[in-house]
Structure formats: structure tokens, C-alpha cells
Amino acid sequence: MGRLPAETGVRTLLIDPGQAKRVYVVSEGGAVYRSDDSGESWAPATQGLPEGGVEALALDPRLPQRLYATTPAGVVYVSEDGAGSWRR
């Protein structure tokens, strides 16, 4: 894990309701990042997502490991493992 790139604007910020230290962000450029330590460090969470980035990110409150991402083209991707990997 590392830091978010310098001057990264945040488009979306989500906090896992079951694990308050787990945070997800979508940058202004459409990259997805995940932190497991309340934002002290970050890792890219883009495995399986297309180039061109993510427009929006949503978390299933009943199953917080499940996230949904939409691309600017309107394609929906799902992650069942807390943004470890994504599938269309």
C-alpha cells in the first residue's frame, strides 16, 4: 500500500459499514483505491476494470464486500471481494 497520488481529487468516497477502517475512493480521473487503515495508506483496486476509469461506485450495505462500479459508457462491473477484483 502507498499514498494516493499527489493532488488526487476525490469524486466518490465510501466507508464500509461493517469495517469502519475500510474506505474506497474514486479519483477525479476514474481510478479506484482502497484503504484498510482509515486512509493512512491506499492501494489501487482496479483489477478487471477497463481503462478509462469508473464514473460511480456503490456499496451493498447488506453485503459490504460487494461493490458496483459504472464506467462513463454505462457498463456495470461488480466486485464480490471488496474491490480485490472486478467482473462485467
C-alpha atoms as a PDB file:
ATOM      1  CA  MET A   1       0.000   0.000   0.000  1.00  0.00           C
ATOM      2  CA  GLY A   2       1.024   3.566  -0.525  1.00  0.00           C
ATOM      3  CA  ARG A   3      -0.373   7.042  -0.658  1.00  0.00           C
ATOM      4  CA  LEU A   4      -2.890   8.449  -3.068  1.00  0.00           C
ATOM      5  CA  PRO A   5      -1.167  10.210  -5.952  1.00  0.00           C
ATOM      6  CA  ALA A   6      -0.453  13.874  -5.225  1.00  0.00           C
ATOM      7  CA  GLU A   7      -3.340  16.230  -5.878  1.00  0.00           C
ATOM      8  CA  THR A   8      -5.819  13.398  -6.455  1.00  0.00           C
ATOM      9  CA  GLY A   9      -9.296  14.840  -6.455  1.00  0.00           C
ATOM     10  CA  VAL A  10     -11.912  12.531  -4.980  1.00  0.00           C
ATOM     11  CA  ARG A  11     -15.145  12.009  -6.899  1.00  0.00           C
ATOM     12  CA  THR A  12     -16.628   9.355  -4.578  1.00  0.00           C
ATOM     13  CA  LEU A  13     -15.800   8.236  -1.036  1.00  0.00           C
ATOM     14  CA  LEU A  14     -17.385   5.154   0.579  1.00  0.00           C
ATOM     15  CA  ILE A  15     -16.893   3.767   4.081  1.00  0.00           C
ATOM     16  CA  ASP A  16     -17.598   0.086   4.709  1.00  0.00           C
ATOM     17  CA  PRO A  17     -20.397  -0.024   7.324  1.00  0.00           C
ATOM     18  CA  GLY A  18     -19.056  -3.301   8.745  1.00  0.00           C
ATOM     19  CA  GLN A  19     -15.388  -2.253   8.853  1.00  0.00           C
ATOM     20  CA  ALA A  20     -15.087   1.461   9.539  1.00  0.00           C
ATOM     21  CA  LYS A  21     -11.363   1.459   8.708  1.00  0.00           C
ATOM     22  CA  ARG A  22     -12.043   0.256   5.140  1.00  0.00           C
ATOM     23  CA  VAL A  23     -12.527   3.165   2.760  1.00  0.00           C
ATOM     24  CA  TYR A  24     -12.915   3.273  -1.022  1.00  0.00           C
ATOM     25  CA  VAL A  25     -12.430   6.281  -3.277  1.00  0.00           C
ATOM     26  CA  VAL A  26     -12.870   7.031  -6.944  1.00  0.00           C
ATOM     27  CA  SER A  27     -10.468   9.726  -8.095  1.00  0.00           C
ATOM     28  CA  GLU A  28     -11.418  12.551 -10.444  1.00  0.00           C
ATOM     29  CA  GLY A  29      -9.569  10.557 -13.126  1.00  0.00           C
ATOM     30  CA  GLY A  30     -11.753   7.486 -12.504  1.00  0.00           C
ATOM     31  CA  ALA A  31      -9.239   5.289 -10.651  1.00  0.00           C
ATOM     32  CA  VAL A  32     -10.497   3.213  -7.704  1.00  0.00           C
ATOM     33  CA  TYR A  33      -8.448   2.940  -4.496  1.00  0.00           C
ATOM     34  CA  ARG A  34      -8.987   1.034  -1.256  1.00  0.00           C
ATOM     35  CA  SER A  35      -7.657   1.706   2.239  1.00  0.00           C
ATOM     36  CA  ASP A  36      -7.897  -0.712   5.154  1.00  0.00           C
ATOM     37  CA  ASP A  37      -6.473   1.707   7.723  1.00  0.00           C
ATOM     38  CA  SER A  38      -8.799   4.723   7.598  1.00  0.00           C
ATOM     39  CA  GLY A  39      -6.931   6.364   4.741  1.00  0.00           C
ATOM     40  CA  GLU A  40      -3.405   6.168   6.126  1.00  0.00           C
ATOM     41  CA  SER A  41      -2.374   4.127   3.087  1.00  0.00           C
ATOM     42  CA  TRP A  42      -4.041   3.255  -0.220  1.00  0.00           C
ATOM     43  CA  ALA A  43      -3.822   0.568  -2.885  1.00  0.00           C
ATOM     44  CA  PRO A  44      -5.214   0.652  -6.416  1.00  0.00           C
ATOM     45  CA  ALA A  45      -8.353  -1.501  -6.721  1.00  0.00           C
ATOM     46  CA  THR A  46      -8.702  -1.723 -10.491  1.00  0.00           C
ATOM     47  CA  GLN A  47      -8.038  -5.391 -11.363  1.00  0.00           C
ATOM     48  CA  GLY A  48     -10.634  -6.265 -14.003  1.00  0.00           C
ATOM     49  CA  LEU A  49     -11.843  -2.707 -14.599  1.00  0.00           C
ATOM     50  CA  PRO A  50     -11.426  -1.228 -18.075  1.00  0.00           C
ATOM     51  CA  GLU A  51      -9.078   1.592 -18.945  1.00  0.00           C
ATOM     52  CA  GLY A  52     -10.927   4.859 -18.967  1.00  0.00           C
ATOM     53  CA  GLY A  53     -11.944   4.620 -15.359  1.00  0.00           C
ATOM     54  CA  VAL A  54     -15.030   4.499 -13.234  1.00  0.00           C
ATOM     55  CA  GLU A  55     -17.783   7.088 -13.159  1.00  0.00           C
ATOM     56  CA  ALA A  56     -19.555   5.964  -9.966  1.00  0.00           C
ATOM     57  CA  LEU A  57     -19.100   3.441  -7.159  1.00  0.00           C
ATOM     58  CA  ALA A  58     -21.714   1.942  -4.824  1.00  0.00           C
ATOM     59  CA  LEU A  59     -21.507  -0.487  -1.911  1.00  0.00           C
ATOM     60  CA  ASP A  60     -24.186  -3.034  -0.999  1.00  0.00           C
ATOM     61  CA  PRO A  61     -24.977  -2.202   2.658  1.00  0.00           C
ATOM     62  CA  ARG A  62     -26.156  -5.764   3.339  1.00  0.00           C
ATOM     63  CA  LEU A  63     -23.043  -7.322   1.770  1.00  0.00           C
ATOM     64  CA  PRO A  64     -20.316  -4.664   2.061  1.00  0.00           C
ATOM     65  CA  GLN A  65     -17.796  -6.857   0.228  1.00  0.00           C
ATOM     66  CA  ARG A  66     -19.984  -6.381  -2.871  1.00  0.00           C
ATOM     67  CA  LEU A  67     -19.386  -3.177  -4.785  1.00  0.00           C
ATOM     68  CA  TYR A  68     -20.737  -1.904  -8.075  1.00  0.00           C
ATOM     69  CA  ALA A  69     -18.847   0.375 -10.451  1.00  0.00           C
ATOM     70  CA  THR A  70     -20.121   2.064 -13.590  1.00  0.00           C
ATOM     71  CA  THR A  71     -17.988   3.311 -16.450  1.00  0.00           C
ATOM     72  CA  PRO A  72     -18.588   6.508 -18.432  1.00  0.00           C
ATOM     73  CA  ALA A  73     -20.067   4.251 -21.152  1.00  0.00           C
ATOM     74  CA  GLY A  74     -22.659   2.932 -18.671  1.00  0.00           C
ATOM     75  CA  VAL A  75     -21.193  -0.556 -18.255  1.00  0.00           C
ATOM     76  CA  VAL A  76     -21.632  -2.020 -14.756  1.00  0.00           C
ATOM     77  CA  TYR A  77     -18.911  -4.025 -13.014  1.00  0.00           C
ATOM     78  CA  VAL A  78     -19.272  -5.931  -9.739  1.00  0.00           C
ATOM     79  CA  SER A  79     -16.744  -6.929  -7.111  1.00  0.00           C
ATOM     80  CA  GLU A  80     -17.601  -9.653  -4.615  1.00  0.00           C
ATOM     81  CA  ASP A  81     -14.321  -9.343  -2.700  1.00  0.00           C
ATOM     82  CA  GLY A  82     -14.094  -5.760  -1.526  1.00  0.00           C
ATOM     83  CA  ALA A  83     -12.636  -4.383  -4.788  1.00  0.00           C
ATOM     84  CA  GLY A  84      -9.936  -7.051  -4.999  1.00  0.00           C
ATOM     85  CA  SER A  85     -11.175  -7.926  -8.483  1.00  0.00           C
ATOM     86  CA  TRP A  86     -13.972  -6.876 -10.794  1.00  0.00           C
ATOM     87  CA  ARG A  87     -16.115  -8.557 -13.446  1.00  0.00           C
ATOM     88  CA  ARG A  88     -18.530  -7.170 -16.001  1.00  0.00           C
END
